[in-house]
Amino acid sequence: MMRRIIVIAAAGFGLAGCSSFSMDMFKSTPPTVQVQLDSTPQGADAKTSLGPGCKTPCTVSVSPPDTGFSVTYSMDKFVPATVPVTVVHIPADFSTPASTNIDPNPVVAELQPAGPPPKASRRRAIRPRSPKPPTGAAPAPADGTFPDPGQSAPPPRQ
């Protein structure tokens, strides 16, 4: 009999010493769901907006938010892609437990090849052409002097 009293008393003192007793330990942890990630081509880096990521094909475990999240895929020589993911929480009823659905699952992205980098322009420098003399005008004299514009033009040679 004495032994029972000591055990009960020891248990009582142990609880009395805990001044920060909380009911949080009785709350359930948020459920995690497995999300499959894949890409075409495979081997892309996939990262969820919730944090976890991996190299495709792979599976990550996430605690889904109340709304949705996204998965961003990236790979060298390909344009990055982001896929939105919808989260649907289905509450429990008397016959079924609560569940969470992820749509789409698997989350797949088709990565497009990045275009070639722009080439540097290799155009030749264009030199301005020297102007042609107007047709029907008298040729300039060989000595480099120009005729007086007030004089009439010499008769054409035959």
N, C-alpha and C. Protein backbone atom coordinates (compact mmCIF):
# COMPACT_ATOMS: atom_id res chain seq x y z
N MET A 1 0.83 -1.18 0.00
CA MET A 1 0.00 0.00 0.00
C MET A 1 0.88 1.25 0.00
N MET A 2 1.91 1.23 0.76
CA MET A 2 2.80 2.37 0.85
C MET A 2 3.45 2.65 -0.51
N ARG A 3 3.71 1.62 -1.24
CA ARG A 3 4.35 1.77 -2.54
C ARG A 3 3.44 2.55 -3.50
N ARG A 4 2.14 2.31 -3.50
CA ARG A 4 1.20 3.00 -4.37
C ARG A 4 1.14 4.49 -4.04
N ILE A 5 1.18 4.82 -2.81
CA ILE A 5 1.11 6.22 -2.38
C ILE A 5 2.35 6.96 -2.86
N ILE A 6 3.50 6.34 -2.79
CA ILE A 6 4.74 6.99 -3.22
C ILE A 6 4.71 7.24 -4.72
N VAL A 7 4.24 6.28 -5.51
CA VAL A 7 4.19 6.43 -6.97
C VAL A 7 3.22 7.55 -7.35
N ILE A 8 2.06 7.60 -6.72
CA ILE A 8 1.07 8.64 -7.01
C ILE A 8 1.62 10.00 -6.61
N ALA A 9 2.26 10.08 -5.49
CA ALA A 9 2.83 11.35 -5.03
C ALA A 9 3.92 11.81 -5.97
N ALA A 10 4.76 10.92 -6.43
CA ALA A 10 5.85 11.28 -7.35
C ALA A 10 5.27 11.78 -8.67
N ALA A 11 4.24 11.16 -9.15
CA ALA A 11 3.60 11.60 -10.39
C ALA A 11 2.97 12.97 -10.20
N GLY A 12 2.38 13.21 -9.07
CA GLY A 12 1.77 14.51 -8.78
C GLY A 12 2.81 15.61 -8.72
N PHE A 13 3.94 15.36 -8.10
CA PHE A 13 5.00 16.36 -8.03
C PHE A 13 5.57 16.65 -9.41
N GLY A 14 5.64 15.62 -10.24
CA GLY A 14 6.17 15.81 -11.61
C GLY A 14 5.27 16.73 -12.42
N LEU A 15 3.97 16.60 -12.32
CA LEU A 15 3.07 17.47 -13.05
C LEU A 15 3.01 18.86 -12.44
N ALA A 16 3.13 18.94 -11.12
CA ALA A 16 3.07 20.23 -10.46
C ALA A 16 4.27 21.09 -10.84
N GLY A 17 5.39 20.48 -11.15
CA GLY A 17 6.58 21.23 -11.52
C GLY A 17 6.51 21.79 -12.92
N CYS A 18 5.58 21.35 -13.75
CA CYS A 18 5.45 21.84 -15.12
C CYS A 18 4.50 23.02 -15.13
N SER A 19 5.06 24.22 -15.16
CA SER A 19 4.19 25.38 -15.17
C SER A 19 3.75 25.74 -16.59
N SER A 20 4.42 25.21 -17.58
CA SER A 20 4.06 25.55 -18.97
C SER A 20 3.40 24.37 -19.65
N PHE A 21 2.51 23.71 -18.98
CA PHE A 21 1.79 22.58 -19.56
C PHE A 21 0.90 23.10 -20.68
N SER A 22 0.95 22.46 -21.82
CA SER A 22 0.22 22.94 -22.98
C SER A 22 -0.57 21.80 -23.61
N MET A 23 -1.65 22.18 -24.23
CA MET A 23 -2.47 21.20 -24.94
C MET A 23 -1.97 20.98 -26.36
N ASP A 24 -0.90 21.70 -26.78
CA ASP A 24 -0.37 21.56 -28.14
C ASP A 24 0.07 20.13 -28.44
N MET A 25 0.47 19.41 -27.42
CA MET A 25 0.95 18.05 -27.68
C MET A 25 -0.19 17.13 -28.11
N PHE A 26 -1.43 17.55 -27.89
CA PHE A 26 -2.55 16.72 -28.30
C PHE A 26 -3.06 17.06 -29.70
N LYS A 27 -2.57 18.16 -30.28
CA LYS A 27 -2.97 18.53 -31.63
C LYS A 27 -2.30 17.60 -32.62
N SER A 28 -3.01 17.28 -33.69
CA SER A 28 -2.41 16.42 -34.71
C SER A 28 -1.49 17.26 -35.60
N THR A 29 -0.44 16.64 -36.06
CA THR A 29 0.46 17.34 -36.97
C THR A 29 -0.25 17.47 -38.32
N PRO A 30 0.03 18.56 -39.06
CA PRO A 30 -0.63 18.70 -40.35
C PRO A 30 -0.25 17.53 -41.27
N PRO A 31 -1.23 17.04 -42.01
CA PRO A 31 -0.94 15.89 -42.87
C PRO A 31 0.02 16.29 -43.99
N THR A 32 0.87 15.37 -44.36
CA THR A 32 1.75 15.60 -45.51
C THR A 32 1.25 14.73 -46.64
N VAL A 33 1.47 15.20 -47.84
CA VAL A 33 1.09 14.43 -49.02
C VAL A 33 2.31 14.26 -49.91
N GLN A 34 2.30 13.17 -50.64
CA GLN A 34 3.38 12.88 -51.58
C GLN A 34 3.00 13.46 -52.93
N VAL A 35 3.89 14.26 -53.51
CA VAL A 35 3.64 14.86 -54.81
C VAL A 35 4.72 14.36 -55.77
N GLN A 36 4.29 13.76 -56.86
CA GLN A 36 5.23 13.26 -57.87
C GLN A 36 5.55 14.40 -58.83
N LEU A 37 6.85 14.60 -59.12
CA LEU A 37 7.29 15.65 -60.03
C LEU A 37 8.03 15.00 -61.19
N ASP A 38 7.70 15.43 -62.40
CA ASP A 38 8.37 14.89 -63.58
C ASP A 38 8.45 15.98 -64.64
N SER A 39 9.32 15.78 -65.60
CA SER A 39 9.49 16.77 -66.67
C SER A 39 9.91 16.07 -67.95
N THR A 40 9.66 16.77 -69.05
CA THR A 40 10.14 16.33 -70.36
C THR A 40 11.03 17.43 -70.89
N PRO A 41 12.31 17.21 -71.02
CA PRO A 41 13.09 16.01 -70.71
C PRO A 41 13.29 15.85 -69.21
N GLN A 42 13.59 14.62 -68.80
CA GLN A 42 13.82 14.36 -67.39
C GLN A 42 15.18 14.91 -66.98
N GLY A 43 15.36 15.10 -65.67
CA GLY A 43 16.62 15.62 -65.15
C GLY A 43 16.58 17.09 -64.81
N ALA A 44 15.40 17.70 -64.86
CA ALA A 44 15.25 19.12 -64.53
C ALA A 44 15.22 19.29 -63.02
N ASP A 45 15.63 20.47 -62.55
CA ASP A 45 15.51 20.81 -61.14
C ASP A 45 14.09 21.30 -60.92
N ALA A 46 13.36 20.64 -60.01
CA ALA A 46 11.98 21.03 -59.70
C ALA A 46 11.94 21.51 -58.26
N LYS A 47 11.34 22.68 -58.02
CA LYS A 47 11.27 23.23 -56.67
C LYS A 47 9.86 23.74 -56.42
N THR A 48 9.27 23.30 -55.30
CA THR A 48 7.93 23.75 -54.96
C THR A 48 8.02 25.12 -54.29
N SER A 49 6.94 25.88 -54.36
CA SER A 49 6.90 27.18 -53.69
C SER A 49 6.82 26.99 -52.18
N LEU A 50 6.62 25.75 -51.72
CA LEU A 50 6.58 25.44 -50.29
C LEU A 50 7.96 25.12 -49.74
N GLY A 51 8.95 24.95 -50.64
CA GLY A 51 10.32 24.68 -50.20
C GLY A 51 10.95 23.44 -50.77
N PRO A 52 10.36 22.25 -50.58
CA PRO A 52 11.03 21.04 -51.05
C PRO A 52 11.22 21.02 -52.56
N GLY A 53 12.28 20.37 -52.99
CA GLY A 53 12.56 20.24 -54.41
C GLY A 53 13.41 19.01 -54.65
N CYS A 54 13.61 18.67 -55.93
CA CYS A 54 14.40 17.50 -56.30
C CYS A 54 14.69 17.55 -57.80
N LYS A 55 15.40 16.56 -58.30
CA LYS A 55 15.70 16.44 -59.73
C LYS A 55 14.76 15.38 -60.30
N THR A 56 14.05 15.75 -61.38
CA THR A 56 13.00 14.88 -61.93
C THR A 56 13.59 13.64 -62.60
N PRO A 57 12.84 12.53 -62.56
CA PRO A 57 11.57 12.25 -61.88
C PRO A 57 11.81 11.98 -60.39
N CYS A 58 10.90 12.46 -59.55
CA CYS A 58 11.08 12.30 -58.11
C CYS A 58 9.75 12.52 -57.40
N THR A 59 9.77 12.34 -56.09
CA THR A 59 8.60 12.55 -55.25
C THR A 59 9.02 13.37 -54.05
N VAL A 60 8.23 14.40 -53.70
CA VAL A 60 8.50 15.20 -52.51
C VAL A 60 7.32 15.09 -51.56
N SER A 61 7.60 15.27 -50.28
CA SER A 61 6.57 15.26 -49.26
C SER A 61 6.34 16.69 -48.82
N VAL A 62 5.10 17.18 -48.92
CA VAL A 62 4.78 18.56 -48.55
C VAL A 62 3.58 18.59 -47.62
N SER A 63 3.54 19.63 -46.80
CA SER A 63 2.35 19.93 -46.00
C SER A 63 1.57 20.96 -46.80
N PRO A 64 0.50 20.55 -47.47
CA PRO A 64 -0.19 21.46 -48.38
C PRO A 64 -0.87 22.60 -47.65
N PRO A 65 -0.81 23.80 -48.22
CA PRO A 65 -1.51 24.94 -47.64
C PRO A 65 -3.01 24.84 -47.93
N ASP A 66 -3.77 25.78 -47.41
CA ASP A 66 -5.22 25.77 -47.64
C ASP A 66 -5.58 26.07 -49.09
N THR A 67 -4.75 26.84 -49.77
CA THR A 67 -5.05 27.22 -51.16
C THR A 67 -4.29 26.31 -52.10
N GLY A 68 -3.26 26.80 -52.70
CA GLY A 68 -2.47 26.01 -53.63
C GLY A 68 -1.02 26.41 -53.56
N PHE A 69 -0.22 25.84 -54.44
CA PHE A 69 1.19 26.17 -54.53
C PHE A 69 1.63 25.97 -55.96
N SER A 70 2.90 26.18 -56.25
CA SER A 70 3.39 25.99 -57.61
C SER A 70 4.70 25.23 -57.60
N VAL A 71 5.03 24.67 -58.75
CA VAL A 71 6.30 23.96 -58.93
C VAL A 71 7.00 24.61 -60.11
N THR A 72 8.25 25.02 -59.89
CA THR A 72 9.04 25.65 -60.95
C THR A 72 10.14 24.70 -61.38
N TYR A 73 10.23 24.51 -62.69
CA TYR A 73 11.21 23.60 -63.29
C TYR A 73 12.28 24.43 -64.00
N SER A 74 13.53 24.02 -63.87
CA SER A 74 14.61 24.71 -64.60
C SER A 74 15.65 23.67 -65.01
N MET A 75 16.28 23.97 -66.17
CA MET A 75 17.30 23.07 -66.71
C MET A 75 18.13 23.87 -67.70
N ASP A 76 19.44 23.64 -67.71
CA ASP A 76 20.31 24.35 -68.65
C ASP A 76 19.82 24.15 -70.08
N LYS A 77 19.87 25.22 -70.85
CA LYS A 77 19.51 25.25 -72.27
C LYS A 77 18.01 25.06 -72.51
N PHE A 78 17.18 25.24 -71.44
CA PHE A 78 15.73 25.16 -71.58
C PHE A 78 15.10 26.35 -70.88
N VAL A 79 13.95 26.76 -71.37
CA VAL A 79 13.21 27.87 -70.77
C VAL A 79 12.54 27.35 -69.49
N PRO A 80 12.69 28.06 -68.35
CA PRO A 80 12.04 27.61 -67.11
C PRO A 80 10.51 27.58 -67.27
N ALA A 81 9.88 26.69 -66.51
CA ALA A 81 8.41 26.57 -66.56
C ALA A 81 7.88 26.46 -65.13
N THR A 82 6.70 27.04 -64.90
CA THR A 82 6.05 26.97 -63.60
C THR A 82 4.66 26.37 -63.79
N VAL A 83 4.33 25.40 -62.95
CA VAL A 83 3.03 24.72 -63.03
C VAL A 83 2.26 24.98 -61.73
N PRO A 84 1.05 25.57 -61.82
CA PRO A 84 0.25 25.78 -60.60
C PRO A 84 -0.37 24.46 -60.14
N VAL A 85 -0.47 24.30 -58.82
CA VAL A 85 -1.04 23.09 -58.22
C VAL A 85 -2.18 23.50 -57.31
N THR A 86 -3.31 22.84 -57.44
CA THR A 86 -4.50 23.11 -56.63
C THR A 86 -4.57 22.10 -55.49
N VAL A 87 -4.91 22.60 -54.31
CA VAL A 87 -5.07 21.74 -53.14
C VAL A 87 -6.55 21.73 -52.77
N VAL A 88 -7.11 20.53 -52.64
CA VAL A 88 -8.52 20.38 -52.28
C VAL A 88 -8.58 19.58 -50.98
N HIS A 89 -9.07 20.24 -49.91
CA HIS A 89 -9.25 19.56 -48.62
C HIS A 89 -10.69 19.06 -48.54
N ILE A 90 -10.83 17.77 -48.28
CA ILE A 90 -12.16 17.17 -48.16
C ILE A 90 -12.37 16.84 -46.68
N PRO A 91 -13.35 17.50 -46.02
CA PRO A 91 -13.54 17.25 -44.59
C PRO A 91 -14.09 15.84 -44.33
N ALA A 92 -13.88 15.41 -43.11
CA ALA A 92 -14.36 14.08 -42.71
C ALA A 92 -15.86 14.12 -42.45
N ASP A 93 -16.49 12.97 -42.62
CA ASP A 93 -17.88 12.82 -42.21
C ASP A 93 -17.98 11.51 -41.43
N PHE A 94 -19.17 11.04 -41.18
CA PHE A 94 -19.33 9.85 -40.34
C PHE A 94 -18.77 8.59 -40.98
N SER A 95 -18.73 8.55 -42.31
CA SER A 95 -18.29 7.31 -42.94
C SER A 95 -16.88 7.37 -43.55
N THR A 96 -16.34 8.56 -43.76
CA THR A 96 -15.00 8.66 -44.37
C THR A 96 -14.12 9.65 -43.60
N PRO A 97 -12.83 9.37 -43.57
CA PRO A 97 -11.92 10.30 -42.90
C PRO A 97 -11.63 11.50 -43.81
N ALA A 98 -11.10 12.56 -43.22
CA ALA A 98 -10.72 13.73 -43.99
C ALA A 98 -9.57 13.36 -44.94
N SER A 99 -9.52 14.03 -46.09
CA SER A 99 -8.44 13.76 -47.04
C SER A 99 -8.06 15.06 -47.75
N THR A 100 -6.89 15.02 -48.37
CA THR A 100 -6.39 16.15 -49.13
C THR A 100 -5.98 15.64 -50.50
N ASN A 101 -6.51 16.30 -51.54
CA ASN A 101 -6.17 15.92 -52.91
C ASN A 101 -5.32 17.00 -53.55
N ILE A 102 -4.35 16.58 -54.34
CA ILE A 102 -3.47 17.49 -55.07
C ILE A 102 -3.80 17.32 -56.55
N ASP A 103 -4.02 18.44 -57.25
CA ASP A 103 -4.35 18.38 -58.67
C ASP A 103 -3.49 19.38 -59.44
N PRO A 104 -2.66 18.95 -60.36
CA PRO A 104 -2.45 17.58 -60.83
C PRO A 104 -1.44 16.85 -59.96
N ASN A 105 -1.50 15.55 -59.97
CA ASN A 105 -0.51 14.70 -59.31
C ASN A 105 -0.42 13.41 -60.11
N PRO A 106 0.60 13.22 -60.90
CA PRO A 106 1.90 13.90 -60.89
C PRO A 106 1.85 15.28 -61.57
N VAL A 107 2.77 16.14 -61.12
CA VAL A 107 2.92 17.47 -61.70
C VAL A 107 4.02 17.35 -62.76
N VAL A 108 3.64 17.60 -64.02
CA VAL A 108 4.57 17.40 -65.13
C VAL A 108 4.71 18.69 -65.93
N ALA A 109 5.94 19.02 -66.31
CA ALA A 109 6.19 20.20 -67.14
C ALA A 109 6.94 19.76 -68.38
N GLU A 110 6.57 20.34 -69.52
CA GLU A 110 7.30 20.09 -70.77
C GLU A 110 8.16 21.33 -71.02
N LEU A 111 9.47 21.15 -70.88
CA LEU A 111 10.39 22.27 -71.03
C LEU A 111 10.71 22.50 -72.50
N GLN A 112 10.71 23.77 -72.90
CA GLN A 112 10.99 24.15 -74.28
C GLN A 112 12.46 24.54 -74.40
N PRO A 113 13.12 24.12 -75.48
CA PRO A 113 14.53 24.50 -75.67
C PRO A 113 14.66 26.01 -75.76
N ALA A 114 15.71 26.53 -75.16
CA ALA A 114 15.98 27.96 -75.26
C ALA A 114 16.54 28.24 -76.65
N GLY A 115 16.16 29.37 -77.23
CA GLY A 115 16.65 29.72 -78.56
C GLY A 115 18.14 30.00 -78.52
N PRO A 116 18.78 29.98 -79.69
CA PRO A 116 20.22 30.27 -79.71
C PRO A 116 20.45 31.73 -79.32
N PRO A 117 21.60 32.01 -78.73
CA PRO A 117 21.87 33.40 -78.35
C PRO A 117 21.98 34.26 -79.59
N PRO A 118 21.61 35.53 -79.51
CA PRO A 118 21.68 36.38 -80.70
C PRO A 118 23.12 36.52 -81.18
N LYS A 119 23.29 36.42 -82.52
CA LYS A 119 24.62 36.53 -83.11
C LYS A 119 24.99 38.00 -83.23
N ALA A 120 26.28 38.25 -83.11
CA ALA A 120 26.76 39.62 -83.27
C ALA A 120 26.66 39.99 -84.74
N SER A 121 26.29 41.20 -84.99
CA SER A 121 26.12 41.66 -86.37
C SER A 121 27.48 41.78 -87.04
N ARG A 122 27.60 41.17 -88.22
CA ARG A 122 28.86 41.21 -88.95
C ARG A 122 28.70 41.94 -90.27
N ARG A 123 27.95 42.98 -90.28
CA ARG A 123 27.75 43.73 -91.52
C ARG A 123 28.99 44.54 -91.84
N ARG A 124 29.26 44.63 -93.14
CA ARG A 124 30.38 45.47 -93.57
C ARG A 124 29.96 46.92 -93.46
N ALA A 125 30.94 47.74 -93.17
CA ALA A 125 30.67 49.16 -93.13
C ALA A 125 30.38 49.64 -94.53
N ILE A 126 29.34 50.38 -94.70
CA ILE A 126 28.95 50.86 -96.02
C ILE A 126 29.59 52.23 -96.23
N ARG A 127 30.40 52.30 -97.28
CA ARG A 127 31.02 53.58 -97.63
C ARG A 127 30.09 54.35 -98.54
N PRO A 128 29.99 55.64 -98.31
CA PRO A 128 29.14 56.42 -99.21
C PRO A 128 29.77 56.48 -100.60
N ARG A 129 28.95 56.38 -101.61
CA ARG A 129 29.44 56.46 -102.98
C ARG A 129 29.65 57.91 -103.37
N SER A 130 30.61 58.10 -104.27
CA SER A 130 30.83 59.47 -104.76
C SER A 130 29.69 59.80 -105.72
N PRO A 131 29.20 61.02 -105.67
CA PRO A 131 28.05 61.37 -106.52
C PRO A 131 28.45 61.37 -107.98
N LYS A 132 27.52 60.91 -108.81
CA LYS A 132 27.75 60.90 -110.26
C LYS A 132 27.38 62.27 -110.81
N PRO A 133 28.13 62.73 -111.83
CA PRO A 133 27.77 64.03 -112.43
C PRO A 133 26.44 63.88 -113.15
N PRO A 134 25.65 64.94 -113.15
CA PRO A 134 24.36 64.87 -113.85
C PRO A 134 24.58 64.62 -115.34
N THR A 135 23.67 63.92 -115.95
CA THR A 135 23.80 63.63 -117.38
C THR A 135 23.58 64.90 -118.19
N GLY A 136 24.30 65.02 -119.28
CA GLY A 136 24.18 66.18 -120.16
C GLY A 136 25.04 67.34 -119.71
N ALA A 137 25.72 67.21 -118.59
CA ALA A 137 26.58 68.31 -118.14
C ALA A 137 27.93 68.20 -118.82
N ALA A 138 28.56 69.32 -118.97
CA ALA A 138 29.88 69.34 -119.62
C ALA A 138 30.91 68.76 -118.68
N PRO A 139 31.85 67.96 -119.18
CA PRO A 139 32.88 67.40 -118.33
C PRO A 139 33.80 68.52 -117.83
N ALA A 140 34.39 68.30 -116.68
CA ALA A 140 35.31 69.29 -116.11
C ALA A 140 36.57 69.34 -116.96
N PRO A 141 37.17 70.54 -117.18
CA PRO A 141 38.40 70.63 -117.95
C PRO A 141 39.52 69.87 -117.26
N ALA A 142 40.48 69.41 -118.05
CA ALA A 142 41.59 68.62 -117.55
C ALA A 142 42.50 69.42 -116.65
N ASP A 143 42.54 70.75 -116.82
CA ASP A 143 43.44 71.54 -115.98
C ASP A 143 42.89 71.78 -114.59
N GLY A 144 41.66 71.32 -114.27
CA GLY A 144 41.09 71.43 -112.94
C GLY A 144 40.30 72.70 -112.72
N THR A 145 40.24 73.60 -113.72
CA THR A 145 39.44 74.81 -113.56
C THR A 145 38.03 74.53 -114.00
N PHE A 146 37.13 75.25 -113.45
CA PHE A 146 35.73 75.06 -113.81
C PHE A 146 35.28 76.23 -114.67
N PRO A 147 34.40 76.00 -115.61
CA PRO A 147 33.92 77.10 -116.46
C PRO A 147 33.08 78.07 -115.66
N ASP A 148 33.03 79.28 -116.11
CA ASP A 148 32.23 80.31 -115.48
C ASP A 148 30.78 79.99 -115.75
N PRO A 149 29.93 79.95 -114.71
CA PRO A 149 28.54 79.59 -114.93
C PRO A 149 27.80 80.59 -115.82
N GLY A 150 28.32 81.79 -115.94
CA GLY A 150 27.67 82.79 -116.79
C GLY A 150 27.94 82.58 -118.26
N GLN A 151 28.93 81.81 -118.64
CA GLN A 151 29.25 81.56 -120.05
C GLN A 151 28.39 80.44 -120.58
N SER A 152 28.21 80.49 -121.85
CA SER A 152 27.45 79.41 -122.47
C SER A 152 28.36 78.20 -122.63
N ALA A 153 27.77 77.06 -122.67
CA ALA A 153 28.53 75.81 -122.78
C ALA A 153 29.16 75.73 -124.18
N PRO A 154 30.36 75.16 -124.27
CA PRO A 154 30.98 75.01 -125.59
C PRO A 154 30.17 74.04 -126.44
N PRO A 155 30.24 74.15 -127.71
CA PRO A 155 29.47 73.23 -128.57
C PRO A 155 29.96 71.80 -128.39
N PRO A 156 29.09 70.85 -128.49
CA PRO A 156 29.50 69.45 -128.32
C PRO A 156 30.44 69.00 -129.42
N ARG A 157 31.33 68.11 -129.07
CA ARG A 157 32.27 67.57 -130.04
C ARG A 157 31.59 66.53 -130.91
N GLN A 158 32.16 66.43 -132.09
CA GLN A 158 31.59 65.45 -133.01
C GLN A 158 32.52 64.36 -133.34
